[in-house]
PDB file of N, CA and C in Angstrom:
ATOM      1  N   MET A   1     -28.287  11.509 -33.799  1.00  0.00           N
ATOM      2  CA  MET A   1     -28.277  10.331 -32.923  1.00  0.00           C
ATOM      3  C   MET A   1     -28.455  10.938 -31.494  1.00  0.00           C
ATOM      4  N   GLU A   2     -29.218  10.103 -30.758  1.00  0.00           N
ATOM      5  CA  GLU A   2     -29.571  10.424 -29.475  1.00  0.00           C
ATOM      6  C   GLU A   2     -28.460  10.347 -28.415  1.00  0.00           C
ATOM      7  N   ASP A   3     -28.477  11.089 -27.410  1.00  0.00           N
ATOM      8  CA  ASP A   3     -27.465  11.078 -26.360  1.00  0.00           C
ATOM      9  C   ASP A   3     -28.056  10.298 -25.206  1.00  0.00           C
ATOM     10  N   PHE A   4     -27.516   9.183 -24.885  1.00  0.00           N
ATOM     11  CA  PHE A   4     -28.068   8.278 -23.870  1.00  0.00           C
ATOM     12  C   PHE A   4     -27.306   8.474 -22.521  1.00  0.00           C
ATOM     13  N   SER A   5     -26.538   9.494 -22.440  1.00  0.00           N
ATOM     14  CA  SER A   5     -25.835   9.919 -21.255  1.00  0.00           C
ATOM     15  C   SER A   5     -24.767   8.901 -20.787  1.00  0.00           C
ATOM     16  N   PHE A   6     -24.209   8.121 -21.688  1.00  0.00           N
ATOM     17  CA  PHE A   6     -23.117   7.302 -21.328  1.00  0.00           C
ATOM     18  C   PHE A   6     -21.860   8.096 -21.076  1.00  0.00           C
ATOM     19  N   LEU A   7     -21.180   7.617 -20.235  1.00  0.00           N
ATOM     20  CA  LEU A   7     -19.817   8.368 -19.950  1.00  0.00           C
ATOM     21  C   LEU A   7     -18.801   8.035 -21.007  1.00  0.00           C
ATOM     22  N   ASN A   8     -18.097   8.968 -21.493  1.00  0.00           N
ATOM     23  CA  ASN A   8     -17.031   8.719 -22.403  1.00  0.00           C
ATOM     24  C   ASN A   8     -15.797   8.460 -21.637  1.00  0.00           C
ATOM     25  N   PRO A   9     -15.247   7.220 -21.684  1.00  0.00           N
ATOM     26  CA  PRO A   9     -14.072   6.830 -20.850  1.00  0.00           C
ATOM     27  C   PRO A   9     -12.755   7.369 -21.356  1.00  0.00           C
ATOM     28  N   GLY A  10     -12.762   8.022 -22.485  1.00  0.00           N
ATOM     29  CA  GLY A  10     -11.544   8.467 -23.212  1.00  0.00           C
ATOM     30  C   GLY A  10     -10.769   7.483 -23.801  1.00  0.00           C
ATOM     31  N   SER A  11      -9.606   7.767 -24.305  1.00  0.00           N
ATOM     32  CA  SER A  11      -8.841   6.834 -25.153  1.00  0.00           C
ATOM     33  C   SER A  11      -8.150   5.840 -24.116  1.00  0.00           C
ATOM     34  N   ARG A  12      -8.165   4.586 -24.432  1.00  0.00           N
ATOM     35  CA  ARG A  12      -7.560   3.506 -23.641  1.00  0.00           C
ATOM     36  C   ARG A  12      -6.245   3.025 -24.490  1.00  0.00           C
ATOM     37  N   GLN A  13      -5.813   3.751 -25.375  1.00  0.00           N
ATOM     38  CA  GLN A  13      -4.705   3.414 -26.262  1.00  0.00           C
ATOM     39  C   GLN A  13      -3.340   3.738 -25.465  1.00  0.00           C
ATOM     40  N   ILE A  14      -2.328   2.907 -25.551  1.00  0.00           N
ATOM     41  CA  ILE A  14      -1.124   3.120 -24.967  1.00  0.00           C
ATOM     42  C   ILE A  14      -0.220   3.785 -25.893  1.00  0.00           C
ATOM     43  N   ASP A  15       0.338   4.922 -25.658  1.00  0.00           N
ATOM     44  CA  ASP A  15       1.306   5.645 -26.502  1.00  0.00           C
ATOM     45  C   ASP A  15       2.694   5.031 -26.254  1.00  0.00           C
ATOM     46  N   PHE A  16       3.099   3.998 -27.007  1.00  0.00           N
ATOM     47  CA  PHE A  16       4.466   3.370 -26.842  1.00  0.00           C
ATOM     48  C   PHE A  16       5.606   4.213 -27.032  1.00  0.00           C
ATOM     49  N   ASP A  17       5.510   5.432 -27.748  1.00  0.00           N
ATOM     50  CA  ASP A  17       6.487   6.304 -27.959  1.00  0.00           C
ATOM     51  C   ASP A  17       6.821   7.069 -26.711  1.00  0.00           C
ATOM     52  N   ASN A  18       5.819   7.305 -25.910  1.00  0.00           N
ATOM     53  CA  ASN A  18       6.048   7.969 -24.639  1.00  0.00           C
ATOM     54  C   ASN A  18       5.812   7.077 -23.371  1.00  0.00           C
ATOM     55  N   PHE A  19       5.835   5.790 -23.554  1.00  0.00           N
ATOM     56  CA  PHE A  19       5.738   4.767 -22.562  1.00  0.00           C
ATOM     57  C   PHE A  19       6.856   4.856 -21.643  1.00  0.00           C
ATOM     58  N   ASP A  20       6.578   5.059 -20.257  1.00  0.00           N
ATOM     59  CA  ASP A  20       7.663   5.100 -19.261  1.00  0.00           C
ATOM     60  C   ASP A  20       7.574   3.835 -18.415  1.00  0.00           C
ATOM     61  N   ASP A  21       8.602   2.963 -18.589  1.00  0.00           N
ATOM     62  CA  ASP A  21       8.574   1.668 -17.927  1.00  0.00           C
ATOM     63  C   ASP A  21       9.568   1.568 -16.802  1.00  0.00           C
ATOM     64  N   ARG A  22      10.099   2.772 -16.402  1.00  0.00           N
ATOM     65  CA  ARG A  22      11.164   2.831 -15.261  1.00  0.00           C
ATOM     66  C   ARG A  22      10.547   2.200 -14.105  1.00  0.00           C
ATOM     67  N   LEU A  23       9.285   2.607 -13.683  1.00  0.00           N
ATOM     68  CA  LEU A  23       8.687   2.084 -12.579  1.00  0.00           C
ATOM     69  C   LEU A  23       8.486   0.606 -12.487  1.00  0.00           C
ATOM     70  N   LEU A  24       7.900   0.110 -13.608  1.00  0.00           N
ATOM     71  CA  LEU A  24       7.603  -1.238 -13.829  1.00  0.00           C
ATOM     72  C   LEU A  24       8.912  -2.097 -13.686  1.00  0.00           C
ATOM     73  N   LEU A  25       9.902  -1.620 -14.370  1.00  0.00           N
ATOM     74  CA  LEU A  25      11.265  -2.384 -14.277  1.00  0.00           C
ATOM     75  C   LEU A  25      11.847  -2.366 -12.888  1.00  0.00           C
ATOM     76  N   TYR A  26      11.646  -1.351 -12.144  1.00  0.00           N
ATOM     77  CA  TYR A  26      12.200  -1.186 -10.690  1.00  0.00           C
ATOM     78  C   TYR A  26      11.369  -2.144  -9.842  1.00  0.00           C
ATOM     79  N   VAL A  27      10.132  -2.257  -9.970  1.00  0.00           N
ATOM     80  CA  VAL A  27       9.315  -3.219  -9.164  1.00  0.00           C
ATOM     81  C   VAL A  27       9.565  -4.563  -9.541  1.00  0.00           C
ATOM     82  N   LEU A  28       9.810  -4.933 -10.825  1.00  0.00           N
ATOM     83  CA  LEU A  28      10.142  -6.267 -11.196  1.00  0.00           C
ATOM     84  C   LEU A  28      11.511  -6.702 -10.830  1.00  0.00           C
ATOM     85  N   GLU A  29      12.434  -5.790 -10.643  1.00  0.00           N
ATOM     86  CA  GLU A  29      13.791  -6.056 -10.218  1.00  0.00           C
ATOM     87  C   GLU A  29      13.734  -6.509  -8.725  1.00  0.00           C
ATOM     88  N   TYR A  30      12.931  -5.826  -7.856  1.00  0.00           N
ATOM     89  CA  TYR A  30      12.871  -6.180  -6.486  1.00  0.00           C
ATOM     90  C   TYR A  30      11.805  -7.124  -6.009  1.00  0.00           C
ATOM     91  N   GLU A  31      10.738  -7.244  -6.864  1.00  0.00           N
ATOM     92  CA  GLU A  31       9.760  -8.136  -6.646  1.00  0.00           C
ATOM     93  C   GLU A  31       9.314  -8.870  -7.885  1.00  0.00           C
ATOM     94  N   PRO A  32      10.131  -9.815  -8.284  1.00  0.00           N
ATOM     95  CA  PRO A  32       9.940 -10.525  -9.643  1.00  0.00           C
ATOM     96  C   PRO A  32       8.587 -11.325  -9.670  1.00  0.00           C
ATOM     97  N   SER A  33       8.100 -11.728  -8.532  1.00  0.00           N
ATOM     98  CA  SER A  33       6.785 -12.441  -8.544  1.00  0.00           C
ATOM     99  C   SER A  33       5.752 -11.653  -9.095  1.00  0.00           C
ATOM    100  N   PHE A  34       5.824 -10.334  -9.187  1.00  0.00           N
ATOM    101  CA  PHE A  34       4.761  -9.543  -9.792  1.00  0.00           C
ATOM    102  C   PHE A  34       4.445  -9.945 -11.201  1.00  0.00           C
ATOM    103  N   VAL A  35       5.429 -10.395 -11.927  1.00  0.00           N
ATOM    104  CA  VAL A  35       5.225 -10.777 -13.343  1.00  0.00           C
ATOM    105  C   VAL A  35       4.143 -11.923 -13.508  1.00  0.00           C
ATOM    106  N   THR A  36       3.923 -12.685 -12.413  1.00  0.00           N
ATOM    107  CA  THR A  36       2.958 -13.886 -12.494  1.00  0.00           C
ATOM    108  C   THR A  36       1.498 -13.428 -12.171  1.00  0.00           C
ATOM    109  N   CYS A  37       1.403 -12.142 -11.841  1.00  0.00           N
ATOM    110  CA  CYS A  37       0.008 -11.701 -11.536  1.00  0.00           C
ATOM    111  C   CYS A  37      -1.046 -11.918 -12.687  1.00  0.00           C
ATOM    112  N   ILE A  38      -2.133 -12.557 -12.306  1.00  0.00           N
ATOM    113  CA  ILE A  38      -3.145 -12.831 -13.315  1.00  0.00           C
ATOM    114  C   ILE A  38      -4.380 -11.891 -13.235  1.00  0.00           C
ATOM    115  N   SER A  39      -4.283 -10.868 -12.343  1.00  0.00           N
ATOM    116  CA  SER A  39      -5.339  -9.943 -12.118  1.00  0.00           C
ATOM    117  C   SER A  39      -6.747 -10.631 -11.726  1.00  0.00           C
ATOM    118  N   CYS A  40      -6.611 -11.706 -10.776  1.00  0.00           N
ATOM    119  CA  CYS A  40      -7.776 -12.475 -10.463  1.00  0.00           C
ATOM    120  C   CYS A  40      -8.743 -11.535  -9.527  1.00  0.00           C
ATOM    121  N   GLY A  41      -8.284 -10.602  -8.936  1.00  0.00           N
ATOM    122  CA  GLY A  41      -9.164  -9.782  -8.063  1.00  0.00           C
ATOM    123  C   GLY A  41      -9.267 -10.126  -6.665  1.00  0.00           C
ATOM    124  N   GLY A  42      -8.658 -11.237  -6.267  1.00  0.00           N
ATOM    125  CA  GLY A  42      -8.730 -11.649  -4.797  1.00  0.00           C
ATOM    126  C   GLY A  42      -8.075 -10.607  -3.861  1.00  0.00           C
ATOM    127  N   CYS A  43      -7.110  -9.801  -4.295  1.00  0.00           N
ATOM    128  CA  CYS A  43      -6.536  -8.728  -3.452  1.00  0.00           C
ATOM    129  C   CYS A  43      -7.547  -7.623  -3.307  1.00  0.00           C
ATOM    130  N   THR A  44      -8.223  -7.346  -4.386  1.00  0.00           N
ATOM    131  CA  THR A  44      -9.221  -6.197  -4.335  1.00  0.00           C
ATOM    132  C   THR A  44     -10.367  -6.617  -3.510  1.00  0.00           C
ATOM    133  N   ALA A  45     -10.778  -7.838  -3.528  1.00  0.00           N
ATOM    134  CA  ALA A  45     -11.981  -8.284  -2.753  1.00  0.00           C
ATOM    135  C   ALA A  45     -11.751  -8.240  -1.345  1.00  0.00           C
ATOM    136  N   THR A  46     -10.519  -8.525  -0.904  1.00  0.00           N
ATOM    137  CA  THR A  46     -10.356  -8.480   0.568  1.00  0.00           C
ATOM    138  C   THR A  46      -9.710  -7.226   1.105  1.00  0.00           C
ATOM    139  N   CYS A  47      -9.547  -6.256   0.347  1.00  0.00           N
ATOM    140  CA  CYS A  47      -8.825  -5.056   0.693  1.00  0.00           C
ATOM    141  C   CYS A  47      -9.666  -4.266   1.655  1.00  0.00           C
ATOM    142  N   SER A  48      -9.011  -3.865   2.811  1.00  0.00           N
ATOM    143  CA  SER A  48      -9.706  -3.109   3.856  1.00  0.00           C
ATOM    144  C   SER A  48      -9.900  -1.670   3.278  1.00  0.00           C
ATOM    145  N   ALA A  49      -9.029  -1.027   2.625  1.00  0.00           N
ATOM    146  CA  ALA A  49      -9.146   0.215   2.085  1.00  0.00           C
ATOM    147  C   ALA A  49     -10.107   0.224   0.977  1.00  0.00           C
ATOM    148  N   GLY A  50     -10.292  -0.754   0.225  1.00  0.00           N
ATOM    149  CA  GLY A  50     -11.242  -0.917  -0.760  1.00  0.00           C
ATOM    150  C   GLY A  50     -12.700  -0.934  -0.251  1.00  0.00           C
ATOM    151  N   ASN A  51     -12.900  -1.406   0.988  1.00  0.00           N
ATOM    152  CA  ASN A  51     -14.180  -1.431   1.598  1.00  0.00           C
ATOM    153  C   ASN A  51     -14.471  -0.095   1.992  1.00  0.00           C
ATOM    154  N   LEU A  52     -13.621   0.797   2.290  1.00  0.00           N
ATOM    155  CA  LEU A  52     -13.845   2.152   2.878  1.00  0.00           C
ATOM    156  C   LEU A  52     -13.819   3.272   1.854  1.00  0.00           C
ATOM    157  N   THR A  53     -13.028   3.018   0.698  1.00  0.00           N
ATOM    158  CA  THR A  53     -12.776   4.022  -0.273  1.00  0.00           C
ATOM    159  C   THR A  53     -13.047   3.352  -1.587  1.00  0.00           C
ATOM    160  N   ASN A  54     -12.768   4.093  -2.692  1.00  0.00           N
ATOM    161  CA  ASN A  54     -12.851   3.493  -4.025  1.00  0.00           C
ATOM    162  C   ASN A  54     -11.426   2.983  -4.458  1.00  0.00           C
ATOM    163  N   PHE A  55     -10.529   2.593  -3.546  1.00  0.00           N
ATOM    164  CA  PHE A  55      -9.261   1.921  -3.801  1.00  0.00           C
ATOM    165  C   PHE A  55      -9.520   0.526  -4.432  1.00  0.00           C
ATOM    166  N   ASN A  56      -8.651   0.339  -5.513  1.00  0.00           N
ATOM    167  CA  ASN A  56      -8.752  -0.994  -6.186  1.00  0.00           C
ATOM    168  C   ASN A  56      -7.244  -1.337  -6.497  1.00  0.00           C
ATOM    169  N   VAL A  57      -6.982  -2.475  -5.995  1.00  0.00           N
ATOM    170  CA  VAL A  57      -5.503  -2.979  -6.062  1.00  0.00           C
ATOM    171  C   VAL A  57      -5.212  -3.382  -7.514  1.00  0.00           C
ATOM    172  N   ARG A  58      -6.348  -3.938  -8.217  1.00  0.00           N
ATOM    173  CA  ARG A  58      -6.136  -4.448  -9.614  1.00  0.00           C
ATOM    174  C   ARG A  58      -5.744  -3.219 -10.534  1.00  0.00           C
ATOM    175  N   LYS A  59      -6.275  -2.003 -10.163  1.00  0.00           N
ATOM    176  CA  LYS A  59      -5.895  -0.801 -10.979  1.00  0.00           C
ATOM    177  C   LYS A  59      -4.446  -0.542 -10.864  1.00  0.00           C
ATOM    178  N   ILE A  60      -3.800  -0.800  -9.749  1.00  0.00           N
ATOM    179  CA  ILE A  60      -2.396  -0.453  -9.511  1.00  0.00           C
ATOM    180  C   ILE A  60      -1.615  -1.387 -10.400  1.00  0.00           C
ATOM    181  N   GLY A  61      -1.994  -2.616 -10.536  1.00  0.00           N
ATOM    182  CA  GLY A  61      -1.229  -3.503 -11.524  1.00  0.00           C
ATOM    183  C   GLY A  61      -1.351  -2.959 -12.970  1.00  0.00           C
ATOM    184  N   LEU A  62      -2.563  -2.762 -13.303  1.00  0.00           N
ATOM    185  CA  LEU A  62      -2.896  -2.245 -14.730  1.00  0.00           C
ATOM    186  C   LEU A  62      -2.148  -0.933 -14.992  1.00  0.00           C
ATOM    187  N   TRP A  63      -2.163   0.012 -14.073  1.00  0.00           N
ATOM    188  CA  TRP A  63      -1.523   1.266 -14.328  1.00  0.00           C
ATOM    189  C   TRP A  63      -0.088   1.252 -14.314  1.00  0.00           C
ATOM    190  N   LEU A  64       0.472   0.372 -13.503  1.00  0.00           N
ATOM    191  CA  LEU A  64       1.911   0.117 -13.477  1.00  0.00           C
ATOM    192  C   LEU A  64       2.373  -0.506 -14.892  1.00  0.00           C
ATOM    193  N   ARG A  65       1.607  -1.542 -15.361  1.00  0.00           N
ATOM    194  CA  ARG A  65       2.051  -2.059 -16.591  1.00  0.00           C
ATOM    195  C   ARG A  65       1.812  -1.085 -17.710  1.00  0.00           C
ATOM    196  N   ARG A  66       0.898  -0.160 -17.676  1.00  0.00           N
ATOM    197  CA  ARG A  66       0.667   0.785 -18.824  1.00  0.00           C
ATOM    198  C   ARG A  66       1.451   1.937 -18.578  1.00  0.00           C
ATOM    199  N   GLY A  67       2.190   2.202 -17.513  1.00  0.00           N
ATOM    200  CA  GLY A  67       3.117   3.223 -17.387  1.00  0.00           C
ATOM    201  C   GLY A  67       2.335   4.598 -16.913  1.00  0.00           C
ATOM    202  N   GLU A  68       1.144   4.539 -16.371  1.00  0.00           N
ATOM    203  CA  GLU A  68       0.330   5.691 -15.963  1.00  0.00           C
ATOM    204  C   GLU A  68       0.713   6.057 -14.589  1.00  0.00           C
ATOM    205  N   THR A  69       1.764   6.695 -14.480  1.00  0.00           N
ATOM    206  CA  THR A  69       2.342   6.926 -13.103  1.00  0.00           C
ATOM    207  C   THR A  69       1.595   8.111 -12.315  1.00  0.00           C
ATOM    208  N   GLU A  70       0.935   8.987 -13.060  1.00  0.00           N
ATOM    209  CA  GLU A  70       0.186   9.952 -12.325  1.00  0.00           C
ATOM    210  C   GLU A  70      -1.002   9.427 -11.578  1.00  0.00           C
ATOM    211  N   LYS A  71      -1.717   8.550 -12.221  1.00  0.00           N
ATOM    212  CA  LYS A  71      -2.849   7.883 -11.598  1.00  0.00           C
ATOM    213  C   LYS A  71      -2.314   6.907 -10.466  1.00  0.00           C
ATOM    214  N   LEU A  72      -1.314   6.363 -10.780  1.00  0.00           N
ATOM    215  CA  LEU A  72      -0.687   5.325  -9.889  1.00  0.00           C
ATOM    216  C   LEU A  72      -0.298   6.037  -8.454  1.00  0.00           C
ATOM    217  N   SER A  73       0.419   7.100  -8.597  1.00  0.00           N
ATOM    218  CA  SER A  73       0.853   7.767  -7.390  1.00  0.00           C
ATOM    219  C   SER A  73      -0.199   8.323  -6.512  1.00  0.00           C
ATOM    220  N   GLN A  74      -1.355   8.645  -7.116  1.00  0.00           N
ATOM    221  CA  GLN A  74      -2.521   9.109  -6.296  1.00  0.00           C
ATOM    222  C   GLN A  74      -3.305   7.832  -5.800  1.00  0.00           C
ATOM    223  N   GLU A  75      -3.349   6.747  -6.477  1.00  0.00           N
ATOM    224  CA  GLU A  75      -4.041   5.604  -5.953  1.00  0.00           C
ATOM    225  C   GLU A  75      -3.402   4.895  -4.769  1.00  0.00           C
ATOM    226  N   ILE A  76      -2.029   4.864  -4.800  1.00  0.00           N
ATOM    227  CA  ILE A  76      -1.293   4.133  -3.728  1.00  0.00           C
ATOM    228  C   ILE A  76      -1.422   4.810  -2.370  1.00  0.00           C
ATOM    229  N   GLU A  77      -1.857   6.102  -2.440  1.00  0.00           N
ATOM    230  CA  GLU A  77      -1.971   6.867  -1.192  1.00  0.00           C
ATOM    231  C   GLU A  77      -3.169   6.343  -0.377  1.00  0.00           C
ATOM    232  N   LYS A  78      -3.951   5.693  -0.917  1.00  0.00           N
ATOM    233  CA  LYS A  78      -5.198   5.106  -0.288  1.00  0.00           C
ATOM    234  C   LYS A  78      -4.850   3.732   0.439  1.00  0.00           C
ATOM    235  N   CYS A  79      -3.777   3.101   0.158  1.00  0.00           N
ATOM    236  CA  CYS A  79      -3.555   1.766   0.753  1.00  0.00           C
ATOM    237  C   CYS A  79      -3.118   2.003   2.169  1.00  0.00           C
ATOM    238  N   MET A  80      -3.754   1.029   2.970  1.00  0.00           N
ATOM    239  CA  MET A  80      -3.582   0.978   4.452  1.00  0.00           C
ATOM    240  C   MET A  80      -2.450   0.045   4.884  1.00  0.00           C
ATOM    241  N   PHE A  81      -1.768  -0.726   3.945  1.00  0.00           N
ATOM    242  CA  PHE A  81      -0.785  -1.653   4.186  1.00  0.00           C
ATOM    243  C   PHE A  81      -1.203  -2.619   5.218  1.00  0.00           C
ATOM    244  N   CYS A  82      -2.406  -3.062   5.183  1.00  0.00           N
ATOM    245  CA  CYS A  82      -2.799  -4.191   6.012  1.00  0.00           C
ATOM    246  C   CYS A  82      -2.251  -5.569   5.746  1.00  0.00           C
ATOM    247  N   GLY A  83      -1.981  -5.796   4.468  1.00  0.00           N
ATOM    248  CA  GLY A  83      -1.391  -7.089   4.015  1.00  0.00           C
ATOM    249  C   GLY A  83      -2.452  -8.189   3.660  1.00  0.00           C
ATOM    250  N   LYS A  84      -3.657  -7.863   3.695  1.00  0.00           N
ATOM    251  CA  LYS A  84      -4.649  -8.936   3.375  1.00  0.00           C
ATOM    252  C   LYS A  84      -4.567  -9.397   1.899  1.00  0.00           C
ATOM    253  N   CYS A  85      -4.122  -8.363   1.047  1.00  0.00           N
ATOM    254  CA  CYS A  85      -4.028  -8.772  -0.481  1.00  0.00           C
ATOM    255  C   CYS A  85      -2.884  -9.820  -0.623  1.00  0.00           C
ATOM    256  N   THR A  86      -1.919  -9.679   0.221  1.00  0.00           N
ATOM    257  CA  THR A  86      -0.746 -10.672   0.104  1.00  0.00           C
ATOM    258  C   THR A  86      -1.234 -12.052   0.671  1.00  0.00           C
ATOM    259  N   LEU A  87      -1.935 -12.107   1.638  1.00  0.00           N
ATOM    260  CA  LEU A  87      -2.378 -13.279   2.244  1.00  0.00           C
ATOM    261  C   LEU A  87      -3.244 -14.149   1.315  1.00  0.00           C
ATOM    262  N   VAL A  88      -4.122 -13.462   0.522  1.00  0.00           N
ATOM    263  CA  VAL A  88      -5.076 -14.288  -0.407  1.00  0.00           C
ATOM    264  C   VAL A  88      -4.663 -14.394  -1.833  1.00  0.00           C
ATOM    265  N   CYS A  89      -3.564 -13.988  -2.168  1.00  0.00           N
ATOM    266  CA  CYS A  89      -2.956 -13.981  -3.574  1.00  0.00           C
ATOM    267  C   CYS A  89      -2.669 -15.510  -3.885  1.00  0.00           C
ATOM    268  N   PRO A  90      -3.346 -15.983  -4.956  1.00  0.00           N
ATOM    269  CA  PRO A  90      -3.097 -17.363  -5.293  1.00  0.00           C
ATOM    270  C   PRO A  90      -1.692 -17.579  -5.939  1.00  0.00           C
ATOM    271  N   ARG A  91      -1.071 -16.598  -6.442  1.00  0.00           N
ATOM    272  CA  ARG A  91       0.251 -16.579  -6.964  1.00  0.00           C
ATOM    273  C   ARG A  91       1.317 -16.253  -6.076  1.00  0.00           C
ATOM    274  N   ASP A  92       1.045 -16.008  -4.792  1.00  0.00           N
ATOM    275  CA  ASP A  92       1.912 -15.680  -3.659  1.00  0.00           C
ATOM    276  C   ASP A  92       2.733 -14.512  -4.066  1.00  0.00           C
ATOM    277  N   ILE A  93       2.170 -13.484  -4.567  1.00  0.00           N
ATOM    278  CA  ILE A  93       2.782 -12.206  -4.755  1.00  0.00           C
ATOM    279  C   ILE A  93       2.672 -11.248  -3.510  1.00  0.00           C
ATOM    280  N   ASN A  94       3.831 -10.732  -3.230  1.00  0.00           N
ATOM    281  CA  ASN A  94       3.857  -9.831  -2.010  1.00  0.00           C
ATOM    282  C   ASN A  94       3.370  -8.510  -2.565  1.00  0.00           C
ATOM    283  N   ILE A  95       2.018  -8.250  -2.610  1.00  0.00           N
ATOM    284  CA  ILE A  95       1.506  -7.085  -3.177  1.00  0.00           C
ATOM    285  C   ILE A  95       1.820  -5.941  -2.375  1.00  0.00           C
ATOM    286  N   ARG A  96       1.813  -6.034  -0.977  1.00  0.00           N
ATOM    287  CA  ARG A  96       2.116  -4.965  -0.164  1.00  0.00           C
ATOM    288  C   ARG A  96       3.584  -4.419  -0.368  1.00  0.00           C
ATOM    289  N   ASN A  97       4.458  -5.314  -0.711  1.00  0.00           N
ATOM    290  CA  ASN A  97       5.815  -5.002  -1.123  1.00  0.00           C
ATOM    291  C   ASN A  97       5.834  -4.214  -2.371  1.00  0.00           C
ATOM    292  N   VAL A  98       5.043  -4.635  -3.442  1.00  0.00           N
ATOM    293  CA  VAL A  98       4.845  -4.057  -4.628  1.00  0.00           C
ATOM    294  C   VAL A  98       4.507  -2.533  -4.508  1.00  0.00           C
ATOM    295  N   ILE A  99       3.440  -2.349  -3.586  1.00  0.00           N
ATOM    296  CA  ILE A  99       3.023  -0.873  -3.371  1.00  0.00           C
ATOM    297  C   ILE A  99       3.997  -0.192  -2.660  1.00  0.00           C
ATOM    298  N   LEU A 100       4.763  -0.755  -1.687  1.00  0.00           N
ATOM    299  CA  LEU A 100       5.862  -0.031  -0.961  1.00  0.00           C
ATOM    300  C   LEU A 100       6.985   0.396  -1.940  1.00  0.00           C
ATOM    301  N   LEU A 101       7.273  -0.567  -2.885  1.00  0.00           N
ATOM    302  CA  LEU A 101       8.367  -0.276  -3.890  1.00  0.00           C
ATOM    303  C   LEU A 101       8.014   0.882  -4.772  1.00  0.00           C
ATOM    304  N   ILE A 102       6.665   0.884  -5.222  1.00  0.00           N
ATOM    305  CA  ILE A 102       6.195   1.916  -6.062  1.00  0.00           C
ATOM    306  C   ILE A 102       6.270   3.316  -5.392  1.00  0.00           C
ATOM    307  N   LYS A 103       5.891   3.275  -4.077  1.00  0.00           N
ATOM    308  CA  LYS A 103       5.850   4.458  -3.207  1.00  0.00           C
ATOM    309  C   LYS A 103       7.283   5.020  -3.101  1.00  0.00           C
ATOM    310  N   LYS A 104       8.187   4.127  -2.783  1.00  0.00           N
ATOM    311  CA  LYS A 104       9.518   4.454  -2.575  1.00  0.00           C
ATOM    312  C   LYS A 104      10.191   5.010  -3.891  1.00  0.00           C
ATOM    313  N   ARG A 105       9.943   4.385  -4.916  1.00  0.00           N
ATOM    314  CA  ARG A 105      10.488   4.916  -6.236  1.00  0.00           C
ATOM    315  C   ARG A 105      10.009   6.136  -6.686  1.00  0.00           C
ATOM    316  N   ILE A 106       8.790   6.352  -6.529  1.00  0.00           N
ATOM    317  CA  ILE A 106       8.114   7.678  -6.822  1.00  0.00           C
ATOM    318  C   ILE A 106       8.655   8.776  -6.028  1.00  0.00           C
ATOM    319  N   SER A 107       8.913   8.591  -4.658  1.00  0.00           N
ATOM    320  CA  SER A 107       9.468   9.563  -3.857  1.00  0.00           C
ATOM    321  C   SER A 107      10.864   9.901  -4.180  1.00  0.00           C
ATOM    322  N   GLU A 108      11.619   8.813  -4.606  1.00  0.00           N
ATOM    323  CA  GLU A 108      12.950   8.954  -5.034  1.00  0.00           C
ATOM    324  C   GLU A 108      13.070   9.912  -6.282  1.00  0.00           C
ATOM    325  N   LEU A 109      12.219   9.554  -7.262  1.00  0.00           N
ATOM    326  CA  LEU A 109      12.122  10.368  -8.498  1.00  0.00           C
ATOM    327  C   LEU A 109      11.821  11.769  -8.203  1.00  0.00           C
ATOM    328  N   LYS A 110      10.896  11.965  -7.197  1.00  0.00           N
ATOM    329  CA  LYS A 110      10.555  13.362  -6.907  1.00  0.00           C
ATOM    330  C   LYS A 110      11.728  14.178  -6.266  1.00  0.00           C
ATOM    331  N   THR A 111      12.557  13.475  -5.443  1.00  0.00           N
ATOM    332  CA  THR A 111      13.637  14.236  -4.777  1.00  0.00           C
ATOM    333  C   THR A 111      14.777  14.402  -5.780  1.00  0.00           C
ATOM    334  N   GLU A 112      14.833  13.528  -6.834  1.00  0.00           N
ATOM    335  CA  GLU A 112      15.860  13.657  -7.805  1.00  0.00           C
ATOM    336  C   GLU A 112      15.321  14.684  -8.905  1.00  0.00           C
ATOM    337  N   ASN A 113      14.151  15.303  -8.836  1.00  0.00           N
ATOM    338  CA  ASN A 113      13.548  16.199  -9.679  1.00  0.00           C
ATOM    339  C   ASN A 113      13.438  15.649 -11.082  1.00  0.00           C
ATOM    340  N   GLN A 114      13.091  14.276 -11.163  1.00  0.00           N
ATOM    341  CA  GLN A 114      12.849  13.765 -12.497  1.00  0.00           C
ATOM    342  C   GLN A 114      11.342  13.573 -12.614  1.00  0.00           C
ATOM    343  N   PRO A 115      10.841  13.630 -13.774  1.00  0.00           N
ATOM    344  CA  PRO A 115       9.350  13.461 -13.979  1.00  0.00           C
ATOM    345  C   PRO A 115       8.995  12.079 -13.559  1.00  0.00           C
ATOM    346  N   VAL A 116       7.832  12.083 -12.901  1.00  0.00           N
ATOM    347  CA  VAL A 116       7.222  10.776 -12.534  1.00  0.00           C
ATOM    348  C   VAL A 116       6.352  10.246 -13.482  1.00  0.00           C
TER     349      VAL A 116
END
């Protein structure tokens, strides 16, 4: 078979035996509106950091729900906390607070020497 040079995205399966939902439960405890996110993309479309880098707010929600904390901790560092995402959200989710909560919890876990 010919190689058409398509990228191999790797496995997209979630390993529920090793699924870490601590971060998701923490965010939902302090920002319960996040559960209503429909991933419409309005946040990503207006994001200032997204216009300057490859930052994608929708990826944050996806990775948070999938428990992929390594990718998540790298991605949130790109956020400029401008708040445009919160202003355009049709579900009135405080996305900036979600990102702040993620950042706070990851730093807490690192200081407690727990795996992130």
